[in-house]
Amino acid sequence: MVSALVLPGVHVEDYITGILIAVVLALFNVSLKPLMIIVTIPVTIFTFGLFLLVINALMIILAAKLVPGFEVDGFWWALLFSILLSLISSLFMRVDNRDQRQSNKW
């Protein structure tokens, strides 16, 4: 939802749609992404891993086709959305890891 609020080319109808997008993208990350990574290993190595952003953008475009109420205005918006989503996810992971380290001290 935060990414959709920041980017004008990404439209999310409501919070239920946002939750549905999260579920669909999680399912894609578990099922489709590993297959796409295996198929594109040469390109991913050649681009030093940057092609993974393209894979994420393609999964977001596919999610936009499947989830009603979620629209992405084009590939570049999907790419920006995937970058912003990755940054937000890494921020949450960092906070979570810090909380786990503090709880392990006791």
C-alpha atoms as a PDB file:
ATOM      1  CA  MET A   1       0.000   0.000   0.000  1.00  0.00           C
ATOM      2  CA  VAL A   2       2.868   2.371   0.782  1.00  0.00           C
ATOM      3  CA  SER A   3       4.455   1.754  -2.602  1.00  0.00           C
ATOM      4  CA  ALA A   4       1.157   2.416  -4.368  1.00  0.00           C
ATOM      5  CA  LEU A   5       0.710   5.675  -2.462  1.00  0.00           C
ATOM      6  CA  VAL A   6       4.166   6.902  -3.461  1.00  0.00           C
ATOM      7  CA  LEU A   7       4.094   5.907  -7.139  1.00  0.00           C
ATOM      8  CA  PRO A   8       1.463   7.592  -9.345  1.00  0.00           C
ATOM      9  CA  GLY A   9       1.663   4.800 -11.959  1.00  0.00           C
ATOM     10  CA  VAL A  10       0.526   2.100  -9.523  1.00  0.00           C
ATOM     11  CA  HIS A  11      -3.124   2.002  -8.460  1.00  0.00           C
ATOM     12  CA  VAL A  12      -4.597  -0.061  -5.632  1.00  0.00           C
ATOM     13  CA  GLU A  13      -8.352   0.178  -5.151  1.00  0.00           C
ATOM     14  CA  ASP A  14      -8.573  -0.563  -1.392  1.00  0.00           C
ATOM     15  CA  TYR A  15      -6.910  -2.367   1.508  1.00  0.00           C
ATOM     16  CA  ILE A  16      -8.527  -5.706   0.677  1.00  0.00           C
ATOM     17  CA  THR A  17      -6.986  -5.476  -2.784  1.00  0.00           C
ATOM     18  CA  GLY A  18      -3.647  -4.637  -1.155  1.00  0.00           C
ATOM     19  CA  ILE A  19      -3.833  -7.764   0.983  1.00  0.00           C
ATOM     20  CA  LEU A  20      -4.794  -9.837  -2.055  1.00  0.00           C
ATOM     21  CA  ILE A  21      -1.809  -8.426  -3.971  1.00  0.00           C
ATOM     22  CA  ALA A  22       0.489  -9.358  -1.085  1.00  0.00           C
ATOM     23  CA  VAL A  23      -0.853 -12.926  -1.094  1.00  0.00           C
ATOM     24  CA  VAL A  24      -0.563 -13.272  -4.884  1.00  0.00           C
ATOM     25  CA  LEU A  25       2.987 -11.872  -4.926  1.00  0.00           C
ATOM     26  CA  ALA A  26       3.965 -14.191  -2.062  1.00  0.00           C
ATOM     27  CA  LEU A  27       2.618 -17.170  -4.015  1.00  0.00           C
ATOM     28  CA  PHE A  28       4.502 -16.021  -7.116  1.00  0.00           C
ATOM     29  CA  ASN A  29       7.710 -15.651  -5.074  1.00  0.00           C
ATOM     30  CA  VAL A  30       7.358 -19.213  -3.833  1.00  0.00           C
ATOM     31  CA  SER A  31       6.340 -20.855  -7.102  1.00  0.00           C
ATOM     32  CA  LEU A  32       7.209 -18.826 -10.218  1.00  0.00           C
ATOM     33  CA  LYS A  33      10.254 -16.832  -9.171  1.00  0.00           C
ATOM     34  CA  PRO A  34      12.575 -19.818  -8.567  1.00  0.00           C
ATOM     35  CA  LEU A  35      11.656 -21.245 -11.979  1.00  0.00           C
ATOM     36  CA  MET A  36      12.219 -17.910 -13.697  1.00  0.00           C
ATOM     37  CA  ILE A  37      15.579 -17.509 -11.959  1.00  0.00           C
ATOM     38  CA  ILE A  38      16.727 -20.953 -13.088  1.00  0.00           C
ATOM     39  CA  VAL A  39      15.663 -20.287 -16.682  1.00  0.00           C
ATOM     40  CA  THR A  40      17.404 -16.901 -16.775  1.00  0.00           C
ATOM     41  CA  ILE A  41      20.646 -17.801 -14.959  1.00  0.00           C
ATOM     42  CA  PRO A  42      22.927 -16.749 -17.869  1.00  0.00           C
ATOM     43  CA  VAL A  43      21.274 -13.336 -18.217  1.00  0.00           C
ATOM     44  CA  THR A  44      21.247 -12.842 -14.446  1.00  0.00           C
ATOM     45  CA  ILE A  45      24.953 -13.610 -14.196  1.00  0.00           C
ATOM     46  CA  PHE A  46      25.753 -11.369 -17.186  1.00  0.00           C
ATOM     47  CA  THR A  47      23.860  -8.437 -15.594  1.00  0.00           C
ATOM     48  CA  PHE A  48      25.366  -9.085 -12.131  1.00  0.00           C
ATOM     49  CA  GLY A  49      21.930  -9.914 -10.694  1.00  0.00           C
ATOM     50  CA  LEU A  50      20.117  -6.822 -11.938  1.00  0.00           C
ATOM     51  CA  PHE A  51      17.901  -8.980 -14.138  1.00  0.00           C
ATOM     52  CA  LEU A  52      16.205 -10.151 -10.926  1.00  0.00           C
ATOM     53  CA  LEU A  53      14.545  -6.724 -10.826  1.00  0.00           C
ATOM     54  CA  VAL A  54      13.115  -7.412 -14.277  1.00  0.00           C
ATOM     55  CA  ILE A  55      11.780 -10.758 -13.045  1.00  0.00           C
ATOM     56  CA  ASN A  56      10.129  -8.983 -10.105  1.00  0.00           C
ATOM     57  CA  ALA A  57       8.601  -6.403 -12.460  1.00  0.00           C
ATOM     58  CA  LEU A  58       7.205  -9.155 -14.679  1.00  0.00           C
ATOM     59  CA  MET A  59       5.641 -10.850 -11.662  1.00  0.00           C
ATOM     60  CA  ILE A  60       4.041  -7.545 -10.644  1.00  0.00           C
ATOM     61  CA  ILE A  61       2.620  -7.090 -14.153  1.00  0.00           C
ATOM     62  CA  LEU A  62       1.240 -10.632 -14.011  1.00  0.00           C
ATOM     63  CA  ALA A  63      -0.310  -9.902 -10.604  1.00  0.00           C
ATOM     64  CA  ALA A  64      -1.886  -6.747 -12.038  1.00  0.00           C
ATOM     65  CA  LYS A  65      -3.500  -8.850 -14.778  1.00  0.00           C
ATOM     66  CA  LEU A  66      -4.878 -11.349 -12.245  1.00  0.00           C
ATOM     67  CA  VAL A  67      -5.994  -9.137  -9.337  1.00  0.00           C
ATOM     68  CA  PRO A  68      -8.958  -6.855 -10.011  1.00  0.00           C
ATOM     69  CA  GLY A  69      -8.476  -3.401  -8.519  1.00  0.00           C
ATOM     70  CA  PHE A  70      -4.690  -3.439  -8.985  1.00  0.00           C
ATOM     71  CA  GLU A  71      -3.291  -1.627 -11.998  1.00  0.00           C
ATOM     72  CA  VAL A  72       0.233  -0.800 -13.138  1.00  0.00           C
ATOM     73  CA  ASP A  73       0.586   1.736 -15.949  1.00  0.00           C
ATOM     74  CA  GLY A  74       3.535   0.004 -17.614  1.00  0.00           C
ATOM     75  CA  PHE A  75       6.770  -1.911 -17.273  1.00  0.00           C
ATOM     76  CA  TRP A  76       8.770   1.015 -15.874  1.00  0.00           C
ATOM     77  CA  TRP A  77       6.201   1.622 -13.137  1.00  0.00           C
ATOM     78  CA  ALA A  78       6.318  -2.090 -12.308  1.00  0.00           C
ATOM     79  CA  LEU A  79      10.115  -1.901 -12.146  1.00  0.00           C
ATOM     80  CA  LEU A  80       9.993   1.116  -9.820  1.00  0.00           C
ATOM     81  CA  PHE A  81       7.321  -0.636  -7.758  1.00  0.00           C
ATOM     82  CA  SER A  82       9.527  -3.723  -7.421  1.00  0.00           C
ATOM     83  CA  ILE A  83      12.533  -1.617  -6.355  1.00  0.00           C
ATOM     84  CA  LEU A  84      10.493   0.294  -3.789  1.00  0.00           C
ATOM     85  CA  LEU A  85       8.887  -2.921  -2.558  1.00  0.00           C
ATOM     86  CA  SER A  86      12.342  -4.474  -2.134  1.00  0.00           C
ATOM     87  CA  LEU A  87      13.570  -1.460  -0.166  1.00  0.00           C
ATOM     88  CA  ILE A  88      10.541  -1.488   2.125  1.00  0.00           C
ATOM     89  CA  SER A  89      10.848  -5.258   2.651  1.00  0.00           C
ATOM     90  CA  SER A  90      14.541  -4.982   3.514  1.00  0.00           C
ATOM     91  CA  LEU A  91      13.747  -2.195   5.982  1.00  0.00           C
ATOM     92  CA  PHE A  92      11.188  -4.391   7.743  1.00  0.00           C
ATOM     93  CA  MET A  93      13.619  -7.334   7.739  1.00  0.00           C
ATOM     94  CA  ARG A  94      16.319  -5.165   9.306  1.00  0.00           C
ATOM     95  CA  VAL A  95      13.954  -4.033  12.068  1.00  0.00           C
ATOM     96  CA  ASP A  96      12.833  -7.630  12.634  1.00  0.00           C
ATOM     97  CA  ASN A  97      16.435  -8.888  12.826  1.00  0.00           C
ATOM     98  CA  ARG A  98      17.308  -6.176  15.338  1.00  0.00           C
ATOM     99  CA  ASP A  99      14.314  -7.170  17.483  1.00  0.00           C
ATOM    100  CA  GLN A 100      15.369 -10.831  17.346  1.00  0.00           C
ATOM    101  CA  ARG A 101      18.942  -9.993  18.382  1.00  0.00           C
ATOM    102  CA  GLN A 102      17.689  -7.974  21.349  1.00  0.00           C
ATOM    103  CA  SER A 103      15.312 -10.735  22.457  1.00  0.00           C
ATOM    104  CA  ASN A 104      18.143 -13.324  22.281  1.00  0.00           C
ATOM    105  CA  LYS A 105      20.234 -11.326  24.773  1.00  0.00           C
ATOM    106  CA  TRP A 106      17.897 -12.287  27.594  1.00  0.00           C
END
